[in-house]
Amino acid sequence: MLRRIAESLWVEARPLRFAGVETGTRMTVVRLAGGGLVVHSPVAMDEGTPAVDALGPVRAIVAPSRFHHLFVGEWIAAYPDAIACACPGLERKRSDLKWDRVLGDEPEEEWRGEIEQVLFAARSLENEVVFFHRPSRTLICADLVFNLGDHPSPLTRVVARLIGSRRPGATLLERVLIRDRAAAREQVGRMLAWNAERIVLSHGDVIESGGHEVLRRAYDWL
């Protein structure tokens, strides 16, 4: 079910397995000042959808990463008037879908002034676009930060420890995947300048406070 975590900000967590491991996933819904909704990393569409409709009209559907797109097609079909936004490269990976925008570093006109964004291109496998909801000081991401160290599943906890995810932050995989550390420092530096209080992430519990320090610690090795 949708859960309100701040003014004009809701999340919905769902079970999801990746390579046989339960990591979960999370959708974020932002209501803009004009009343329209931005749906980030949508989950499967089901009986919960009317709860989204009750919040306002869906204006944008965002697939923020090359790995976070499984259910986007359902939402594009259900909301044909919403703009469908892909991270760079996803428009080729999912050429079966009709994309209206390929996102970059500059906020789209529809949410400029309310939501900031940075393309984390240094982690090119995902090409994740990371967002910041300015009114609630909430960083919204997919895989920039993980929080699986205390996951209820014993298997997930074991895998999390193997990849270095004992506390909220990045994993050891980032040290392999990020080749251009100078670019990564610049991109993460712009995210740190947001001074986020909360972090909404796809895998693990929402980080309700101290988000800036969590992000700084996660990438201080850069």
N, C-alpha and C. Protein backbone atom coordinates (compact mmCIF):
# COMPACT_ATOMS: atom_id res chain seq x y z
N MET A 1 0.84 -1.20 0.00
CA MET A 1 0.00 0.00 0.00
C MET A 1 0.88 1.25 0.00
N LEU A 2 0.33 2.31 -0.60
CA LEU A 2 1.04 3.58 -0.59
C LEU A 2 1.17 4.09 0.84
N ARG A 3 2.34 4.64 1.15
CA ARG A 3 2.60 5.18 2.48
C ARG A 3 3.14 6.60 2.33
N ARG A 4 2.49 7.54 2.98
CA ARG A 4 2.94 8.93 2.94
C ARG A 4 4.11 9.10 3.89
N ILE A 5 5.24 9.60 3.37
CA ILE A 5 6.42 9.78 4.22
C ILE A 5 6.80 11.24 4.41
N ALA A 6 6.20 12.11 3.62
CA ALA A 6 6.42 13.55 3.76
C ALA A 6 5.33 14.26 2.98
N GLU A 7 5.27 15.56 3.11
CA GLU A 7 4.29 16.33 2.35
C GLU A 7 4.51 16.12 0.86
N SER A 8 3.48 15.67 0.17
CA SER A 8 3.51 15.45 -1.28
C SER A 8 4.46 14.34 -1.72
N LEU A 9 4.71 13.38 -0.83
CA LEU A 9 5.64 12.30 -1.15
C LEU A 9 5.14 10.98 -0.56
N TRP A 10 4.99 9.96 -1.43
CA TRP A 10 4.51 8.65 -1.02
C TRP A 10 5.42 7.56 -1.58
N VAL A 11 5.45 6.41 -0.90
CA VAL A 11 6.22 5.27 -1.39
C VAL A 11 5.36 4.02 -1.28
N GLU A 12 5.72 3.02 -2.07
CA GLU A 12 5.09 1.72 -1.97
C GLU A 12 6.16 0.66 -2.22
N ALA A 13 6.39 -0.20 -1.22
CA ALA A 13 7.38 -1.27 -1.33
C ALA A 13 6.70 -2.56 -1.75
N ARG A 14 7.41 -3.35 -2.55
CA ARG A 14 6.90 -4.64 -3.01
C ARG A 14 8.01 -5.68 -2.95
N PRO A 15 7.66 -6.96 -2.75
CA PRO A 15 8.67 -8.03 -2.87
C PRO A 15 9.18 -8.10 -4.31
N LEU A 16 10.45 -8.43 -4.46
CA LEU A 16 11.03 -8.65 -5.78
C LEU A 16 12.32 -9.43 -5.62
N ARG A 17 12.51 -10.44 -6.47
CA ARG A 17 13.73 -11.24 -6.43
C ARG A 17 14.64 -10.87 -7.59
N PHE A 18 15.92 -10.79 -7.29
CA PHE A 18 16.94 -10.57 -8.31
C PHE A 18 17.96 -11.69 -8.19
N ALA A 19 18.12 -12.47 -9.27
CA ALA A 19 19.02 -13.61 -9.27
C ALA A 19 18.72 -14.56 -8.11
N GLY A 20 17.42 -14.71 -7.79
CA GLY A 20 17.00 -15.62 -6.75
C GLY A 20 17.05 -15.06 -5.34
N VAL A 21 17.50 -13.83 -5.19
CA VAL A 21 17.64 -13.21 -3.87
C VAL A 21 16.55 -12.14 -3.70
N GLU A 22 15.85 -12.18 -2.57
CA GLU A 22 14.81 -11.20 -2.30
C GLU A 22 15.46 -9.86 -1.93
N THR A 23 15.30 -8.88 -2.81
CA THR A 23 15.84 -7.55 -2.55
C THR A 23 14.74 -6.52 -2.35
N GLY A 24 13.53 -6.87 -2.83
CA GLY A 24 12.45 -5.91 -2.78
C GLY A 24 12.66 -4.77 -3.77
N THR A 25 11.62 -3.99 -3.95
CA THR A 25 11.71 -2.80 -4.77
C THR A 25 10.74 -1.77 -4.22
N ARG A 26 10.86 -0.54 -4.68
CA ARG A 26 10.02 0.52 -4.12
C ARG A 26 9.69 1.55 -5.20
N MET A 27 8.45 1.92 -5.24
CA MET A 27 7.98 3.01 -6.10
C MET A 27 7.85 4.28 -5.27
N THR A 28 8.16 5.41 -5.88
CA THR A 28 7.98 6.70 -5.22
C THR A 28 7.03 7.55 -6.05
N VAL A 29 6.12 8.22 -5.39
CA VAL A 29 5.18 9.11 -6.06
C VAL A 29 5.34 10.51 -5.47
N VAL A 30 5.61 11.48 -6.33
CA VAL A 30 5.76 12.87 -5.92
C VAL A 30 4.60 13.68 -6.51
N ARG A 31 3.93 14.44 -5.65
CA ARG A 31 2.90 15.35 -6.15
C ARG A 31 3.48 16.74 -6.30
N LEU A 32 3.45 17.25 -7.51
CA LEU A 32 3.99 18.57 -7.80
C LEU A 32 3.03 19.67 -7.32
N ALA A 33 3.54 20.88 -7.28
CA ALA A 33 2.74 21.99 -6.77
C ALA A 33 1.46 22.17 -7.58
N GLY A 34 1.51 21.86 -8.86
CA GLY A 34 0.32 21.99 -9.70
C GLY A 34 -0.66 20.86 -9.57
N GLY A 35 -0.33 19.83 -8.78
CA GLY A 35 -1.23 18.73 -8.53
C GLY A 35 -0.91 17.45 -9.29
N GLY A 36 -0.09 17.55 -10.35
CA GLY A 36 0.27 16.37 -11.12
C GLY A 36 1.26 15.49 -10.38
N LEU A 37 1.30 14.20 -10.76
CA LEU A 37 2.15 13.22 -10.09
C LEU A 37 3.32 12.79 -10.98
N VAL A 38 4.46 12.62 -10.34
CA VAL A 38 5.61 11.97 -10.96
C VAL A 38 5.76 10.61 -10.30
N VAL A 39 5.72 9.53 -11.10
CA VAL A 39 5.83 8.17 -10.60
C VAL A 39 7.23 7.65 -10.94
N HIS A 40 8.02 7.40 -9.91
CA HIS A 40 9.42 6.98 -10.05
C HIS A 40 9.54 5.48 -9.80
N SER A 41 10.15 4.77 -10.75
CA SER A 41 10.40 3.33 -10.62
C SER A 41 9.12 2.57 -10.28
N PRO A 42 8.12 2.61 -11.16
CA PRO A 42 6.81 2.04 -10.84
C PRO A 42 6.85 0.53 -10.58
N VAL A 43 6.02 0.11 -9.65
CA VAL A 43 5.86 -1.31 -9.35
C VAL A 43 4.74 -1.86 -10.23
N ALA A 44 4.50 -3.17 -10.13
CA ALA A 44 3.46 -3.79 -10.94
C ALA A 44 2.11 -3.13 -10.68
N MET A 45 1.37 -2.93 -11.74
CA MET A 45 0.07 -2.29 -11.63
C MET A 45 -0.97 -3.32 -11.22
N ASP A 46 -1.72 -3.02 -10.16
CA ASP A 46 -2.73 -3.95 -9.66
C ASP A 46 -3.83 -3.17 -8.97
N GLU A 47 -4.47 -3.82 -7.99
CA GLU A 47 -5.60 -3.16 -7.34
C GLU A 47 -5.18 -1.93 -6.54
N GLY A 48 -3.88 -1.73 -6.32
CA GLY A 48 -3.42 -0.56 -5.59
C GLY A 48 -3.40 0.71 -6.42
N THR A 49 -3.55 0.58 -7.72
CA THR A 49 -3.46 1.74 -8.60
C THR A 49 -4.47 2.84 -8.28
N PRO A 50 -5.73 2.52 -7.92
CA PRO A 50 -6.66 3.61 -7.57
C PRO A 50 -6.14 4.51 -6.45
N ALA A 51 -5.31 4.00 -5.58
CA ALA A 51 -4.74 4.84 -4.53
C ALA A 51 -3.86 5.93 -5.13
N VAL A 52 -3.17 5.61 -6.22
CA VAL A 52 -2.38 6.62 -6.91
C VAL A 52 -3.30 7.63 -7.57
N ASP A 53 -4.33 7.16 -8.23
CA ASP A 53 -5.27 8.06 -8.91
C ASP A 53 -5.91 9.04 -7.94
N ALA A 54 -6.10 8.62 -6.70
CA ALA A 54 -6.72 9.49 -5.71
C ALA A 54 -5.83 10.67 -5.33
N LEU A 55 -4.54 10.56 -5.62
CA LEU A 55 -3.60 11.63 -5.27
C LEU A 55 -3.57 12.74 -6.29
N GLY A 56 -3.93 12.40 -7.53
CA GLY A 56 -3.88 13.39 -8.60
C GLY A 56 -3.63 12.72 -9.93
N PRO A 57 -3.58 13.49 -11.01
CA PRO A 57 -3.33 12.92 -12.33
C PRO A 57 -1.85 12.58 -12.53
N VAL A 58 -1.57 11.42 -13.09
CA VAL A 58 -0.19 11.01 -13.37
C VAL A 58 0.31 11.80 -14.57
N ARG A 59 1.36 12.61 -14.37
CA ARG A 59 1.91 13.45 -15.43
C ARG A 59 3.22 12.91 -16.00
N ALA A 60 3.95 12.12 -15.19
CA ALA A 60 5.24 11.61 -15.66
C ALA A 60 5.50 10.24 -15.05
N ILE A 61 6.06 9.35 -15.87
CA ILE A 61 6.45 8.00 -15.45
C ILE A 61 7.95 7.89 -15.70
N VAL A 62 8.71 7.60 -14.65
CA VAL A 62 10.16 7.66 -14.73
C VAL A 62 10.78 6.28 -14.50
N ALA A 63 11.56 5.83 -15.47
CA ALA A 63 12.39 4.64 -15.32
C ALA A 63 13.82 5.14 -15.09
N PRO A 64 14.30 5.16 -13.83
CA PRO A 64 15.52 5.90 -13.50
C PRO A 64 16.82 5.17 -13.80
N SER A 65 16.74 3.87 -14.11
CA SER A 65 17.95 3.06 -14.27
C SER A 65 17.71 2.02 -15.34
N ARG A 66 18.79 1.55 -15.94
CA ARG A 66 18.68 0.50 -16.96
C ARG A 66 18.21 -0.82 -16.36
N PHE A 67 18.11 -0.90 -15.02
CA PHE A 67 17.63 -2.11 -14.36
C PHE A 67 16.28 -1.90 -13.67
N HIS A 68 15.71 -0.73 -13.79
CA HIS A 68 14.44 -0.44 -13.13
C HIS A 68 13.41 -0.01 -14.17
N HIS A 69 12.86 -1.00 -14.86
CA HIS A 69 11.96 -0.71 -15.96
C HIS A 69 10.90 -1.79 -16.15
N LEU A 70 10.90 -2.83 -15.30
CA LEU A 70 10.08 -4.02 -15.55
C LEU A 70 8.61 -3.72 -15.75
N PHE A 71 8.08 -2.76 -15.01
CA PHE A 71 6.63 -2.53 -15.01
C PHE A 71 6.24 -1.22 -15.69
N VAL A 72 7.20 -0.55 -16.30
CA VAL A 72 6.93 0.75 -16.89
C VAL A 72 5.90 0.65 -18.01
N GLY A 73 5.98 -0.41 -18.81
CA GLY A 73 5.06 -0.56 -19.93
C GLY A 73 3.61 -0.54 -19.51
N GLU A 74 3.31 -1.17 -18.37
CA GLU A 74 1.94 -1.19 -17.86
C GLU A 74 1.44 0.22 -17.57
N TRP A 75 2.32 1.02 -17.00
CA TRP A 75 1.94 2.38 -16.62
C TRP A 75 1.82 3.29 -17.84
N ILE A 76 2.70 3.10 -18.81
CA ILE A 76 2.59 3.89 -20.04
C ILE A 76 1.26 3.61 -20.72
N ALA A 77 0.87 2.34 -20.74
CA ALA A 77 -0.40 1.97 -21.37
C ALA A 77 -1.59 2.54 -20.60
N ALA A 78 -1.50 2.54 -19.28
CA ALA A 78 -2.61 3.01 -18.45
C ALA A 78 -2.73 4.53 -18.43
N TYR A 79 -1.61 5.23 -18.63
CA TYR A 79 -1.60 6.70 -18.56
C TYR A 79 -0.97 7.26 -19.84
N PRO A 80 -1.65 7.17 -20.95
CA PRO A 80 -1.07 7.58 -22.24
C PRO A 80 -0.76 9.08 -22.33
N ASP A 81 -1.38 9.88 -21.46
CA ASP A 81 -1.13 11.32 -21.50
C ASP A 81 0.09 11.73 -20.67
N ALA A 82 0.62 10.80 -19.88
CA ALA A 82 1.82 11.08 -19.07
C ALA A 82 3.06 10.98 -19.94
N ILE A 83 4.09 11.77 -19.63
CA ILE A 83 5.35 11.64 -20.36
C ILE A 83 6.13 10.45 -19.80
N ALA A 84 6.66 9.62 -20.69
CA ALA A 84 7.45 8.44 -20.31
C ALA A 84 8.92 8.80 -20.41
N CYS A 85 9.63 8.72 -19.28
CA CYS A 85 11.00 9.20 -19.19
C CYS A 85 11.97 8.05 -18.89
N ALA A 86 13.02 7.93 -19.69
CA ALA A 86 14.01 6.86 -19.53
C ALA A 86 15.37 7.44 -19.19
N CYS A 87 16.15 6.68 -18.42
CA CYS A 87 17.54 7.03 -18.25
C CYS A 87 18.27 6.78 -19.58
N PRO A 88 19.42 7.39 -19.81
CA PRO A 88 20.13 7.18 -21.07
C PRO A 88 20.47 5.70 -21.28
N GLY A 89 20.20 5.22 -22.48
CA GLY A 89 20.48 3.83 -22.83
C GLY A 89 19.27 2.93 -22.71
N LEU A 90 18.34 3.28 -21.84
CA LEU A 90 17.17 2.43 -21.66
C LEU A 90 16.24 2.51 -22.87
N GLU A 91 16.27 3.64 -23.56
CA GLU A 91 15.41 3.77 -24.74
C GLU A 91 15.83 2.77 -25.83
N ARG A 92 17.10 2.32 -25.79
CA ARG A 92 17.55 1.29 -26.73
C ARG A 92 17.29 -0.10 -26.16
N LYS A 93 17.52 -0.29 -24.88
CA LYS A 93 17.28 -1.58 -24.25
C LYS A 93 15.80 -1.95 -24.30
N ARG A 94 14.93 -0.97 -24.11
CA ARG A 94 13.48 -1.19 -24.15
C ARG A 94 12.89 -0.42 -25.33
N SER A 95 13.36 -0.76 -26.51
CA SER A 95 12.88 -0.08 -27.71
C SER A 95 11.44 -0.48 -28.03
N ASP A 96 10.91 -1.47 -27.29
CA ASP A 96 9.52 -1.86 -27.48
C ASP A 96 8.55 -0.85 -26.87
N LEU A 97 9.07 0.06 -26.05
CA LEU A 97 8.22 1.06 -25.40
C LEU A 97 8.37 2.41 -26.09
N LYS A 98 7.33 3.21 -26.00
CA LYS A 98 7.36 4.55 -26.58
C LYS A 98 7.81 5.54 -25.51
N TRP A 99 9.01 6.04 -25.66
CA TRP A 99 9.58 6.98 -24.70
C TRP A 99 9.40 8.41 -25.23
N ASP A 100 9.07 9.31 -24.32
CA ASP A 100 8.93 10.72 -24.69
C ASP A 100 10.19 11.52 -24.39
N ARG A 101 10.93 11.12 -23.35
CA ARG A 101 12.12 11.86 -22.94
C ARG A 101 13.24 10.89 -22.56
N VAL A 102 14.47 11.29 -22.83
CA VAL A 102 15.65 10.65 -22.25
C VAL A 102 16.24 11.65 -21.28
N LEU A 103 16.33 11.26 -20.02
CA LEU A 103 16.71 12.19 -18.96
C LEU A 103 18.22 12.44 -18.92
N GLY A 104 18.58 13.58 -18.39
CA GLY A 104 19.99 13.94 -18.20
C GLY A 104 20.19 14.65 -16.88
N ASP A 105 21.09 15.62 -16.87
CA ASP A 105 21.41 16.34 -15.64
C ASP A 105 20.46 17.49 -15.33
N GLU A 106 19.75 17.96 -16.32
CA GLU A 106 18.88 19.11 -16.12
C GLU A 106 17.45 18.66 -15.83
N PRO A 107 16.81 19.22 -14.81
CA PRO A 107 15.41 18.86 -14.52
C PRO A 107 14.51 19.14 -15.70
N GLU A 108 13.52 18.30 -15.89
CA GLU A 108 12.53 18.54 -16.93
C GLU A 108 11.65 19.73 -16.55
N GLU A 109 11.09 20.37 -17.56
CA GLU A 109 10.27 21.55 -17.33
C GLU A 109 9.12 21.25 -16.37
N GLU A 110 8.58 20.04 -16.45
CA GLU A 110 7.42 19.68 -15.64
C GLU A 110 7.70 19.73 -14.15
N TRP A 111 8.96 19.50 -13.75
CA TRP A 111 9.25 19.49 -12.30
C TRP A 111 10.40 20.42 -11.91
N ARG A 112 10.82 21.27 -12.81
CA ARG A 112 11.91 22.20 -12.49
C ARG A 112 11.52 23.10 -11.32
N GLY A 113 12.44 23.27 -10.39
CA GLY A 113 12.19 24.08 -9.20
C GLY A 113 11.70 23.28 -8.01
N GLU A 114 11.23 22.06 -8.27
CA GLU A 114 10.76 21.19 -7.19
C GLU A 114 11.61 19.93 -7.05
N ILE A 115 12.04 19.39 -8.19
CA ILE A 115 12.85 18.17 -8.18
C ILE A 115 14.14 18.43 -8.96
N GLU A 116 15.26 18.21 -8.31
CA GLU A 116 16.57 18.30 -8.96
C GLU A 116 17.00 16.90 -9.42
N GLN A 117 18.00 16.83 -10.28
CA GLN A 117 18.47 15.51 -10.72
C GLN A 117 19.93 15.56 -11.16
N VAL A 118 20.57 14.38 -11.01
CA VAL A 118 21.95 14.18 -11.46
C VAL A 118 22.02 12.84 -12.17
N LEU A 119 22.61 12.83 -13.35
CA LEU A 119 22.86 11.57 -14.06
C LEU A 119 24.16 10.98 -13.52
N PHE A 120 24.05 9.82 -12.87
CA PHE A 120 25.24 9.15 -12.31
C PHE A 120 25.87 8.30 -13.42
N ALA A 121 26.41 9.00 -14.42
CA ALA A 121 26.94 8.35 -15.61
C ALA A 121 28.24 7.60 -15.34
N ALA A 122 28.91 7.92 -14.24
CA ALA A 122 30.15 7.21 -13.92
C ALA A 122 29.90 5.74 -13.62
N ARG A 123 28.68 5.41 -13.22
CA ARG A 123 28.29 4.01 -13.04
C ARG A 123 27.46 3.64 -14.26
N SER A 124 28.17 3.44 -15.38
CA SER A 124 27.54 3.37 -16.69
C SER A 124 26.69 2.12 -16.90
N LEU A 125 26.91 1.07 -16.10
CA LEU A 125 26.09 -0.13 -16.25
C LEU A 125 24.63 0.18 -16.01
N GLU A 126 24.34 1.05 -15.03
CA GLU A 126 22.96 1.43 -14.72
C GLU A 126 22.54 2.74 -15.36
N ASN A 127 23.49 3.69 -15.49
CA ASN A 127 23.15 5.04 -15.98
C ASN A 127 21.99 5.62 -15.17
N GLU A 128 22.06 5.47 -13.87
CA GLU A 128 20.95 5.92 -13.03
C GLU A 128 20.84 7.43 -12.97
N VAL A 129 19.61 7.92 -13.05
CA VAL A 129 19.34 9.33 -12.80
C VAL A 129 18.81 9.43 -11.37
N VAL A 130 19.52 10.18 -10.54
CA VAL A 130 19.19 10.33 -9.12
C VAL A 130 18.45 11.66 -8.94
N PHE A 131 17.41 11.65 -8.11
CA PHE A 131 16.54 12.82 -7.95
C PHE A 131 16.58 13.34 -6.51
N PHE A 132 16.20 14.60 -6.37
CA PHE A 132 16.10 15.23 -5.05
C PHE A 132 14.84 16.06 -5.00
N HIS A 133 13.93 15.65 -4.09
CA HIS A 133 12.69 16.40 -3.88
C HIS A 133 12.99 17.53 -2.90
N ARG A 134 13.11 18.72 -3.45
CA ARG A 134 13.59 19.85 -2.65
C ARG A 134 12.69 20.19 -1.46
N PRO A 135 11.36 20.23 -1.61
CA PRO A 135 10.53 20.63 -0.46
C PRO A 135 10.70 19.73 0.76
N SER A 136 10.92 18.43 0.57
CA SER A 136 11.04 17.51 1.71
C SER A 136 12.49 17.10 1.98
N ARG A 137 13.44 17.64 1.21
CA ARG A 137 14.87 17.30 1.35
C ARG A 137 15.07 15.78 1.25
N THR A 138 14.44 15.18 0.26
CA THR A 138 14.50 13.74 0.08
C THR A 138 15.22 13.37 -1.21
N LEU A 139 16.29 12.61 -1.08
CA LEU A 139 16.98 12.04 -2.23
C LEU A 139 16.24 10.78 -2.64
N ILE A 140 15.94 10.64 -3.93
CA ILE A 140 15.18 9.50 -4.44
C ILE A 140 16.06 8.76 -5.44
N CYS A 141 16.36 7.49 -5.13
CA CYS A 141 17.28 6.74 -5.98
C CYS A 141 16.79 5.31 -6.17
N ALA A 142 17.48 4.59 -7.03
CA ALA A 142 17.21 3.17 -7.26
C ALA A 142 18.32 2.35 -6.62
N ASP A 143 19.52 2.42 -7.20
CA ASP A 143 20.63 1.58 -6.73
C ASP A 143 21.84 2.38 -6.25
N LEU A 144 21.71 3.69 -6.15
CA LEU A 144 22.81 4.50 -5.62
C LEU A 144 23.19 4.07 -4.22
N VAL A 145 22.18 3.72 -3.42
CA VAL A 145 22.36 3.32 -2.03
C VAL A 145 21.53 2.05 -1.79
N PHE A 146 22.12 1.10 -1.05
CA PHE A 146 21.42 -0.12 -0.63
C PHE A 146 21.27 -0.10 0.90
N ASN A 147 20.27 -0.86 1.40
CA ASN A 147 20.06 -0.94 2.84
C ASN A 147 19.54 -2.33 3.18
N LEU A 148 20.35 -3.35 2.90
CA LEU A 148 19.92 -4.74 3.02
C LEU A 148 20.57 -5.49 4.18
N GLY A 149 21.40 -4.83 4.94
CA GLY A 149 22.13 -5.51 6.01
C GLY A 149 21.25 -6.12 7.08
N ASP A 150 20.05 -5.55 7.28
CA ASP A 150 19.12 -6.05 8.29
C ASP A 150 17.85 -6.62 7.66
N HIS A 151 17.96 -7.07 6.43
CA HIS A 151 16.79 -7.60 5.72
C HIS A 151 16.24 -8.83 6.44
N PRO A 152 14.93 -9.05 6.46
CA PRO A 152 14.36 -10.21 7.15
C PRO A 152 14.82 -11.56 6.59
N SER A 153 15.17 -11.61 5.31
CA SER A 153 15.60 -12.88 4.71
C SER A 153 17.04 -13.20 5.06
N PRO A 154 17.31 -14.38 5.68
CA PRO A 154 18.70 -14.75 6.00
C PRO A 154 19.58 -14.80 4.76
N LEU A 155 19.04 -15.31 3.64
CA LEU A 155 19.84 -15.38 2.41
C LEU A 155 20.21 -13.98 1.93
N THR A 156 19.26 -13.07 1.99
CA THR A 156 19.55 -11.70 1.57
C THR A 156 20.61 -11.07 2.46
N ARG A 157 20.54 -11.32 3.75
CA ARG A 157 21.56 -10.76 4.67
C ARG A 157 22.94 -11.32 4.35
N VAL A 158 23.02 -12.61 4.05
CA VAL A 158 24.31 -13.22 3.71
C VAL A 158 24.88 -12.59 2.45
N VAL A 159 24.04 -12.49 1.41
CA VAL A 159 24.50 -11.90 0.15
C VAL A 159 24.89 -10.44 0.37
N ALA A 160 24.11 -9.72 1.17
CA ALA A 160 24.44 -8.33 1.45
C ALA A 160 25.82 -8.20 2.08
N ARG A 161 26.14 -9.08 3.01
CA ARG A 161 27.45 -9.02 3.65
C ARG A 161 28.56 -9.36 2.67
N LEU A 162 28.30 -10.29 1.77
CA LEU A 162 29.30 -10.68 0.78
C LEU A 162 29.65 -9.52 -0.16
N ILE A 163 28.67 -8.67 -0.43
CA ILE A 163 28.93 -7.54 -1.32
C ILE A 163 29.21 -6.26 -0.53
N GLY A 164 29.43 -6.40 0.76
CA GLY A 164 29.84 -5.26 1.58
C GLY A 164 28.73 -4.35 2.03
N SER A 165 27.48 -4.85 2.02
CA SER A 165 26.34 -4.02 2.40
C SER A 165 25.91 -4.34 3.83
N ARG A 166 26.76 -4.01 4.79
CA ARG A 166 26.45 -4.27 6.20
C ARG A 166 25.66 -3.12 6.83
N ARG A 167 25.75 -1.94 6.25
CA ARG A 167 25.00 -0.78 6.73
C ARG A 167 24.58 0.02 5.51
N PRO A 168 23.65 0.95 5.66
CA PRO A 168 23.16 1.69 4.50
C PRO A 168 24.31 2.37 3.74
N GLY A 169 24.33 2.17 2.43
CA GLY A 169 25.37 2.78 1.63
C GLY A 169 25.56 2.06 0.30
N ALA A 170 26.72 2.26 -0.30
CA ALA A 170 27.07 1.58 -1.54
C ALA A 170 27.59 0.18 -1.22
N THR A 171 27.82 -0.61 -2.25
CA THR A 171 28.37 -1.95 -2.08
C THR A 171 29.78 -2.01 -2.65
N LEU A 172 30.45 -3.14 -2.45
CA LEU A 172 31.78 -3.32 -3.02
C LEU A 172 31.75 -3.33 -4.54
N LEU A 173 30.59 -3.62 -5.11
CA LEU A 173 30.48 -3.67 -6.57
C LEU A 173 30.76 -2.31 -7.19
N GLU A 174 30.42 -1.24 -6.49
CA GLU A 174 30.66 0.10 -7.03
C GLU A 174 32.15 0.33 -7.29
N ARG A 175 33.00 -0.26 -6.49
CA ARG A 175 34.45 -0.08 -6.68
C ARG A 175 34.93 -0.75 -7.96
N VAL A 176 34.18 -1.75 -8.41
CA VAL A 176 34.51 -2.43 -9.67
C VAL A 176 33.84 -1.73 -10.85
N LEU A 177 32.59 -1.33 -10.66
CA LEU A 177 31.80 -0.78 -11.76
C LEU A 177 32.21 0.64 -12.13
N ILE A 178 32.69 1.40 -11.15
CA ILE A 178 33.05 2.80 -11.41
C ILE A 178 34.52 2.87 -11.83
N ARG A 179 34.74 3.16 -13.08
CA ARG A 179 36.11 3.26 -13.61
C ARG A 179 36.63 4.70 -13.58
N ASP A 180 35.74 5.64 -13.84
CA ASP A 180 36.13 7.05 -13.87
C ASP A 180 35.81 7.68 -12.53
N ARG A 181 36.76 7.60 -11.60
CA ARG A 181 36.50 8.09 -10.25
C ARG A 181 36.37 9.61 -10.19
N ALA A 182 37.09 10.30 -11.07
CA ALA A 182 36.98 11.76 -11.08
C ALA A 182 35.57 12.18 -11.45
N ALA A 183 34.99 11.54 -12.45
CA ALA A 183 33.61 11.86 -12.84
C ALA A 183 32.64 11.49 -11.73
N ALA A 184 32.88 10.34 -11.09
CA ALA A 184 32.01 9.91 -10.00
C ALA A 184 32.07 10.90 -8.84
N ARG A 185 33.26 11.39 -8.51
CA ARG A 185 33.39 12.37 -7.42
C ARG A 185 32.58 13.63 -7.73
N GLU A 186 32.66 14.08 -8.98
CA GLU A 186 31.93 15.28 -9.36
C GLU A 186 30.43 15.06 -9.28
N GLN A 187 29.97 13.92 -9.74
CA GLN A 187 28.53 13.64 -9.75
C GLN A 187 28.00 13.45 -8.33
N VAL A 188 28.71 12.67 -7.51
CA VAL A 188 28.30 12.48 -6.12
C VAL A 188 28.39 13.81 -5.36
N GLY A 189 29.39 14.61 -5.70
CA GLY A 189 29.53 15.91 -5.06
C GLY A 189 28.31 16.80 -5.27
N ARG A 190 27.75 16.75 -6.46
CA ARG A 190 26.53 17.52 -6.71
C ARG A 190 25.35 16.98 -5.91
N MET A 191 25.31 15.67 -5.72
CA MET A 191 24.26 15.09 -4.88
C MET A 191 24.45 15.50 -3.41
N LEU A 192 25.68 15.50 -2.95
CA LEU A 192 25.95 15.89 -1.56
C LEU A 192 25.57 17.35 -1.32
N ALA A 193 25.70 18.18 -2.34
CA ALA A 193 25.35 19.60 -2.19
C ALA A 193 23.87 19.78 -1.89
N TRP A 194 23.06 18.78 -2.18
CA TRP A 194 21.63 18.87 -1.86
C TRP A 194 21.39 18.82 -0.34
N ASN A 195 22.33 18.22 0.40
CA ASN A 195 22.20 18.10 1.85
C ASN A 195 20.89 17.40 2.23
N ALA A 196 20.71 16.21 1.66
CA ALA A 196 19.47 15.45 1.86
C ALA A 196 19.33 15.00 3.31
N GLU A 197 18.13 15.03 3.81
CA GLU A 197 17.83 14.49 5.12
C GLU A 197 17.37 13.03 5.00
N ARG A 198 16.51 12.76 4.04
CA ARG A 198 15.93 11.42 3.86
C ARG A 198 16.43 10.83 2.53
N ILE A 199 16.56 9.49 2.50
CA ILE A 199 16.87 8.79 1.25
C ILE A 199 15.81 7.72 1.02
N VAL A 200 15.12 7.84 -0.11
CA VAL A 200 14.23 6.77 -0.56
C VAL A 200 15.01 5.94 -1.57
N LEU A 201 15.13 4.65 -1.31
CA LEU A 201 15.90 3.75 -2.15
C LEU A 201 15.04 2.56 -2.53
N SER A 202 15.49 1.80 -3.50
CA SER A 202 14.68 0.68 -3.97
C SER A 202 14.85 -0.58 -3.14
N HIS A 203 16.02 -0.78 -2.55
CA HIS A 203 16.33 -2.06 -1.93
C HIS A 203 16.70 -1.87 -0.45
N GLY A 204 15.71 -2.11 0.40
CA GLY A 204 15.90 -1.93 1.84
C GLY A 204 15.03 -0.80 2.36
N ASP A 205 15.03 -0.63 3.67
CA ASP A 205 14.17 0.37 4.30
C ASP A 205 14.58 1.79 3.93
N VAL A 206 13.60 2.68 3.89
CA VAL A 206 13.85 4.10 3.69
C VAL A 206 14.73 4.62 4.81
N ILE A 207 15.71 5.45 4.46
CA ILE A 207 16.57 6.08 5.46
C ILE A 207 15.92 7.42 5.82
N GLU A 208 15.38 7.50 7.02
CA GLU A 208 14.53 8.63 7.39
C GLU A 208 15.31 9.87 7.81
N SER A 209 16.55 9.72 8.23
CA SER A 209 17.33 10.87 8.68
C SER A 209 18.81 10.63 8.43
N GLY A 210 19.57 11.73 8.43
CA GLY A 210 21.01 11.61 8.23
C GLY A 210 21.41 11.19 6.83
N GLY A 211 20.57 11.47 5.84
CA GLY A 211 20.85 11.01 4.48
C GLY A 211 22.14 11.54 3.91
N HIS A 212 22.46 12.80 4.18
CA HIS A 212 23.70 13.38 3.66
C HIS A 212 24.91 12.60 4.14
N GLU A 213 24.95 12.26 5.42
CA GLU A 213 26.08 11.53 5.97
C GLU A 213 26.15 10.11 5.42
N VAL A 214 25.00 9.47 5.22
CA VAL A 214 24.97 8.13 4.63
C VAL A 214 25.58 8.16 3.23
N LEU A 215 25.20 9.14 2.43
CA LEU A 215 25.74 9.25 1.07
C LEU A 215 27.22 9.59 1.09
N ARG A 216 27.62 10.50 1.96
CA ARG A 216 29.05 10.87 2.04
C ARG A 216 29.89 9.66 2.40
N ARG A 217 29.46 8.90 3.41
CA ARG A 217 30.20 7.73 3.86
C ARG A 217 30.23 6.64 2.78
N ALA A 218 29.13 6.51 2.04
CA ALA A 218 29.04 5.47 1.02
C ALA A 218 30.08 5.65 -0.08
N TYR A 219 30.41 6.90 -0.40
CA TYR A 219 31.31 7.17 -1.53
C TYR A 219 32.56 7.93 -1.13
N ASP A 220 32.92 7.88 0.15
CA ASP A 220 34.12 8.61 0.58
C ASP A 220 35.40 7.99 0.02
N TRP A 221 35.33 6.75 -0.47
CA TRP A 221 36.50 6.09 -1.07
C TRP A 221 36.87 6.67 -2.44
N LEU A 222 35.96 7.45 -3.02
CA LEU A 222 36.26 8.06 -4.32
C LEU A 222 37.37 9.10 -4.21
